[in-house]
Amino acid sequence: MGFSEDFGSSPAHSHANGVVVYTTSGCTRCDMLKKWLKNKNTGFEEKNLEDSDVMTDLVMRNFVVMSAPAVEINGQVYTDSQIFESNGLIKPDFTKIFGVM
């Protein structure tokens, strides 16, 4: 399974390693993803999807994020369904992205 190069990409904003994690309060998958990134020594900026300014920024850049978590890596946004398997584990295709960073 690959990720679309056309959907959800825009010029990257300047973030820690180009990684932004979009979260919501009480989101267990958000917590799991942040812990996973920290275990991989990957720096990231966290933004709350409950903040209207954060959502406005995403919409203005043609990103549609319907649920948390989402991750932006160098201008490419990956949604919950692209990050996690149905059993809650992080997808192997997603983990490969961090091998080339």
N, C-alpha and C. Protein backbone atom coordinates (compact mmCIF):
# COMPACT_ATOMS: atom_id res chain seq x y z
N MET A 1 0.84 -1.18 0.00
CA MET A 1 0.00 0.00 0.00
C MET A 1 0.88 1.24 0.00
N GLY A 2 0.60 2.16 -0.90
CA GLY A 2 1.35 3.40 -0.95
C GLY A 2 0.49 4.56 -0.56
N PHE A 3 1.10 5.69 -0.43
CA PHE A 3 0.38 6.90 -0.10
C PHE A 3 0.31 7.79 -1.33
N SER A 4 -0.79 8.48 -1.49
CA SER A 4 -0.99 9.36 -2.63
C SER A 4 -0.03 10.53 -2.57
N GLU A 5 0.62 10.80 -3.67
CA GLU A 5 1.52 11.95 -3.73
C GLU A 5 0.73 13.23 -4.00
N ASP A 6 -0.46 13.11 -4.56
CA ASP A 6 -1.23 14.28 -4.94
C ASP A 6 -2.12 14.81 -3.83
N PHE A 7 -2.66 13.94 -3.01
CA PHE A 7 -3.61 14.36 -1.99
C PHE A 7 -2.87 14.77 -0.74
N GLY A 8 -3.20 15.94 -0.25
CA GLY A 8 -2.68 16.38 1.04
C GLY A 8 -1.21 16.71 1.05
N SER A 9 -0.73 17.41 0.04
CA SER A 9 0.65 17.87 0.13
C SER A 9 0.69 19.35 -0.19
N SER A 10 1.59 20.03 0.49
CA SER A 10 1.78 21.46 0.28
C SER A 10 3.17 21.82 0.76
N PRO A 11 3.59 23.04 0.51
CA PRO A 11 4.90 23.43 1.03
C PRO A 11 4.96 23.23 2.53
N ALA A 12 6.03 22.67 2.99
CA ALA A 12 6.17 22.38 4.42
C ALA A 12 6.34 23.65 5.22
N HIS A 13 5.78 23.65 6.40
CA HIS A 13 6.02 24.71 7.37
C HIS A 13 7.29 24.32 8.13
N SER A 14 7.93 25.26 8.77
CA SER A 14 9.14 24.91 9.51
C SER A 14 8.77 24.36 10.89
N HIS A 15 9.03 23.09 11.09
CA HIS A 15 8.75 22.39 12.35
C HIS A 15 9.96 21.56 12.71
N ALA A 16 9.93 21.02 13.90
CA ALA A 16 11.00 20.12 14.33
C ALA A 16 11.07 18.95 13.36
N ASN A 17 12.18 18.81 12.66
CA ASN A 17 12.37 17.74 11.67
C ASN A 17 11.28 17.71 10.61
N GLY A 18 10.51 18.79 10.45
CA GLY A 18 9.44 18.80 9.48
C GLY A 18 8.25 17.95 9.88
N VAL A 19 8.11 17.61 11.17
CA VAL A 19 7.05 16.72 11.64
C VAL A 19 6.10 17.48 12.57
N VAL A 20 4.80 17.42 12.23
CA VAL A 20 3.76 17.99 13.09
C VAL A 20 2.75 16.89 13.38
N VAL A 21 2.41 16.72 14.64
CA VAL A 21 1.39 15.74 15.04
C VAL A 21 0.15 16.52 15.42
N TYR A 22 -0.95 16.23 14.73
CA TYR A 22 -2.24 16.86 15.01
C TYR A 22 -3.03 15.94 15.93
N THR A 23 -3.44 16.46 17.08
CA THR A 23 -4.07 15.65 18.11
C THR A 23 -5.38 16.27 18.58
N THR A 24 -6.09 15.51 19.41
CA THR A 24 -7.24 16.02 20.15
C THR A 24 -7.10 15.52 21.59
N SER A 25 -7.80 16.18 22.49
CA SER A 25 -7.72 15.76 23.89
C SER A 25 -8.43 14.42 24.07
N GLY A 26 -7.86 13.57 24.91
CA GLY A 26 -8.44 12.27 25.19
C GLY A 26 -8.24 11.23 24.10
N CYS A 27 -7.38 11.51 23.14
CA CYS A 27 -7.15 10.61 22.01
C CYS A 27 -6.05 9.62 22.35
N THR A 28 -6.41 8.35 22.54
CA THR A 28 -5.42 7.34 22.92
C THR A 28 -4.44 7.04 21.78
N ARG A 29 -4.91 7.05 20.54
CA ARG A 29 -4.01 6.82 19.41
C ARG A 29 -3.02 7.98 19.28
N CYS A 30 -3.46 9.19 19.61
CA CYS A 30 -2.56 10.35 19.59
C CYS A 30 -1.42 10.13 20.58
N ASP A 31 -1.78 9.70 21.78
CA ASP A 31 -0.77 9.43 22.81
C ASP A 31 0.18 8.32 22.37
N MET A 32 -0.37 7.28 21.76
CA MET A 32 0.46 6.17 21.29
C MET A 32 1.42 6.64 20.20
N LEU A 33 0.93 7.46 19.27
CA LEU A 33 1.77 7.95 18.18
C LEU A 33 2.88 8.85 18.72
N LYS A 34 2.56 9.74 19.64
CA LYS A 34 3.57 10.63 20.21
C LYS A 34 4.64 9.82 20.95
N LYS A 35 4.23 8.80 21.69
CA LYS A 35 5.19 7.94 22.39
C LYS A 35 6.06 7.20 21.39
N TRP A 36 5.48 6.70 20.31
CA TRP A 36 6.21 5.98 19.28
C TRP A 36 7.26 6.89 18.65
N LEU A 37 6.87 8.14 18.33
CA LEU A 37 7.82 9.09 17.74
C LEU A 37 8.96 9.41 18.71
N LYS A 38 8.62 9.59 19.98
CA LYS A 38 9.67 9.87 20.98
C LYS A 38 10.62 8.69 21.10
N ASN A 39 10.10 7.47 21.05
CA ASN A 39 10.94 6.27 21.11
C ASN A 39 11.87 6.16 19.92
N LYS A 40 11.47 6.76 18.79
CA LYS A 40 12.30 6.77 17.59
C LYS A 40 13.19 8.01 17.55
N ASN A 41 13.20 8.77 18.67
CA ASN A 41 13.99 10.00 18.76
C ASN A 41 13.66 10.98 17.64
N THR A 42 12.37 11.05 17.30
CA THR A 42 11.90 11.96 16.26
C THR A 42 11.25 13.16 16.93
N GLY A 43 11.83 14.33 16.72
CA GLY A 43 11.25 15.55 17.25
C GLY A 43 10.01 15.92 16.46
N PHE A 44 9.05 16.53 17.12
CA PHE A 44 7.83 16.94 16.44
C PHE A 44 7.19 18.11 17.17
N GLU A 45 6.36 18.82 16.44
CA GLU A 45 5.54 19.87 17.02
C GLU A 45 4.12 19.32 17.14
N GLU A 46 3.46 19.57 18.24
CA GLU A 46 2.09 19.09 18.44
C GLU A 46 1.12 20.25 18.26
N LYS A 47 0.05 20.00 17.49
CA LYS A 47 -1.01 20.99 17.30
C LYS A 47 -2.35 20.32 17.58
N ASN A 48 -3.23 21.05 18.26
CA ASN A 48 -4.53 20.51 18.66
C ASN A 48 -5.58 20.81 17.60
N LEU A 49 -6.23 19.77 17.09
CA LEU A 49 -7.27 19.93 16.08
C LEU A 49 -8.52 20.61 16.62
N GLU A 50 -8.62 20.72 17.94
CA GLU A 50 -9.76 21.41 18.53
C GLU A 50 -9.59 22.93 18.48
N ASP A 51 -8.42 23.38 18.07
CA ASP A 51 -8.12 24.80 17.90
C ASP A 51 -8.58 25.23 16.51
N SER A 52 -9.49 26.19 16.43
CA SER A 52 -10.04 26.61 15.14
C SER A 52 -8.96 27.17 14.21
N ASP A 53 -7.93 27.80 14.76
CA ASP A 53 -6.85 28.31 13.92
C ASP A 53 -6.08 27.18 13.25
N VAL A 54 -5.88 26.09 13.97
CA VAL A 54 -5.19 24.92 13.42
C VAL A 54 -6.03 24.33 12.29
N MET A 55 -7.32 24.15 12.51
CA MET A 55 -8.19 23.60 11.47
C MET A 55 -8.26 24.53 10.26
N THR A 56 -8.33 25.83 10.51
CA THR A 56 -8.38 26.79 9.41
C THR A 56 -7.12 26.69 8.56
N ASP A 57 -5.96 26.59 9.20
CA ASP A 57 -4.71 26.45 8.47
C ASP A 57 -4.73 25.21 7.58
N LEU A 58 -5.20 24.09 8.12
CA LEU A 58 -5.26 22.85 7.33
C LEU A 58 -6.20 23.01 6.14
N VAL A 59 -7.37 23.56 6.38
CA VAL A 59 -8.35 23.74 5.30
C VAL A 59 -7.81 24.67 4.22
N MET A 60 -7.16 25.74 4.63
CA MET A 60 -6.61 26.70 3.67
C MET A 60 -5.51 26.07 2.81
N ARG A 61 -4.89 25.02 3.32
CA ARG A 61 -3.86 24.30 2.56
C ARG A 61 -4.42 23.02 1.91
N ASN A 62 -5.77 22.94 1.83
CA ASN A 62 -6.46 21.83 1.17
C ASN A 62 -6.26 20.48 1.82
N PHE A 63 -6.09 20.45 3.13
CA PHE A 63 -6.02 19.20 3.87
C PHE A 63 -7.36 18.94 4.53
N VAL A 64 -7.82 17.71 4.47
CA VAL A 64 -9.04 17.31 5.15
C VAL A 64 -8.67 16.28 6.20
N VAL A 65 -8.82 16.66 7.46
CA VAL A 65 -8.51 15.77 8.57
C VAL A 65 -9.80 15.56 9.35
N MET A 66 -10.33 14.34 9.28
CA MET A 66 -11.62 14.03 9.91
C MET A 66 -11.47 13.45 11.30
N SER A 67 -10.30 12.94 11.63
CA SER A 67 -10.09 12.36 12.96
C SER A 67 -8.61 12.44 13.32
N ALA A 68 -8.37 12.37 14.60
CA ALA A 68 -7.00 12.42 15.11
C ALA A 68 -6.52 10.99 15.40
N PRO A 69 -5.24 10.77 15.34
CA PRO A 69 -4.20 11.73 15.01
C PRO A 69 -3.99 11.84 13.50
N ALA A 70 -3.30 12.89 13.14
CA ALA A 70 -2.79 13.06 11.78
C ALA A 70 -1.35 13.55 11.94
N VAL A 71 -0.54 13.28 10.94
CA VAL A 71 0.86 13.68 10.99
C VAL A 71 1.21 14.39 9.69
N GLU A 72 1.87 15.52 9.81
CA GLU A 72 2.39 16.21 8.64
C GLU A 72 3.90 16.05 8.66
N ILE A 73 4.42 15.53 7.55
CA ILE A 73 5.85 15.32 7.42
C ILE A 73 6.31 16.01 6.15
N ASN A 74 7.07 17.08 6.34
CA ASN A 74 7.59 17.84 5.21
C ASN A 74 6.50 18.19 4.19
N GLY A 75 5.35 18.65 4.68
CA GLY A 75 4.28 19.10 3.80
C GLY A 75 3.31 18.02 3.34
N GLN A 76 3.52 16.79 3.72
CA GLN A 76 2.63 15.67 3.37
C GLN A 76 1.86 15.27 4.63
N VAL A 77 0.53 15.22 4.54
CA VAL A 77 -0.29 14.86 5.69
C VAL A 77 -0.76 13.41 5.59
N TYR A 78 -0.58 12.68 6.68
CA TYR A 78 -1.02 11.29 6.79
C TYR A 78 -2.12 11.24 7.84
N THR A 79 -3.24 10.63 7.49
CA THR A 79 -4.38 10.55 8.39
C THR A 79 -4.34 9.27 9.22
N ASP A 80 -5.22 9.22 10.19
CA ASP A 80 -5.34 8.08 11.10
C ASP A 80 -5.35 6.76 10.34
N SER A 81 -6.14 6.67 9.29
CA SER A 81 -6.25 5.40 8.56
C SER A 81 -4.98 5.07 7.77
N GLN A 82 -4.14 6.06 7.50
CA GLN A 82 -2.87 5.80 6.83
C GLN A 82 -1.76 5.45 7.82
N ILE A 83 -1.97 5.81 9.08
CA ILE A 83 -0.96 5.57 10.12
C ILE A 83 -1.17 4.23 10.80
N PHE A 84 -2.42 3.90 11.12
CA PHE A 84 -2.73 2.73 11.95
C PHE A 84 -3.43 1.62 11.18
N GLU A 85 -3.08 0.39 11.54
CA GLU A 85 -3.83 -0.79 11.10
C GLU A 85 -5.16 -0.82 11.85
N SER A 86 -6.09 -1.64 11.41
CA SER A 86 -7.39 -1.74 12.11
C SER A 86 -7.24 -2.27 13.53
N ASN A 87 -6.15 -3.01 13.79
CA ASN A 87 -5.91 -3.55 15.14
C ASN A 87 -5.21 -2.55 16.06
N GLY A 88 -4.95 -1.34 15.56
CA GLY A 88 -4.34 -0.29 16.39
C GLY A 88 -2.83 -0.20 16.30
N LEU A 89 -2.19 -1.11 15.57
CA LEU A 89 -0.74 -1.04 15.41
C LEU A 89 -0.38 -0.07 14.29
N ILE A 90 0.80 0.51 14.39
CA ILE A 90 1.26 1.42 13.36
C ILE A 90 1.64 0.62 12.12
N LYS A 91 1.18 1.08 10.96
CA LYS A 91 1.39 0.36 9.71
C LYS A 91 2.87 0.33 9.32
N PRO A 92 3.32 -0.80 8.78
CA PRO A 92 4.71 -0.89 8.32
C PRO A 92 5.06 0.16 7.27
N ASP A 93 4.13 0.47 6.34
CA ASP A 93 4.39 1.49 5.33
C ASP A 93 4.65 2.85 5.96
N PHE A 94 3.95 3.14 7.05
CA PHE A 94 4.16 4.41 7.72
C PHE A 94 5.51 4.43 8.42
N THR A 95 5.91 3.32 9.01
CA THR A 95 7.18 3.30 9.73
C THR A 95 8.35 3.48 8.77
N LYS A 96 8.21 3.06 7.52
CA LYS A 96 9.29 3.19 6.52
C LYS A 96 9.64 4.66 6.26
N ILE A 97 8.67 5.54 6.40
CA ILE A 97 8.88 6.97 6.17
C ILE A 97 9.99 7.49 7.08
N PHE A 98 10.03 6.99 8.30
CA PHE A 98 10.99 7.48 9.28
C PHE A 98 12.38 6.87 9.09
N GLY A 99 12.46 5.83 8.30
CA GLY A 99 13.77 5.25 7.99
C GLY A 99 14.57 6.09 7.01
N VAL A 100 13.88 6.97 6.28
CA VAL A 100 14.56 7.79 5.28
C VAL A 100 14.67 9.25 5.69
N MET A 101 14.22 9.57 6.89
CA MET A 101 14.29 10.97 7.35
C MET A 101 15.68 11.29 7.85
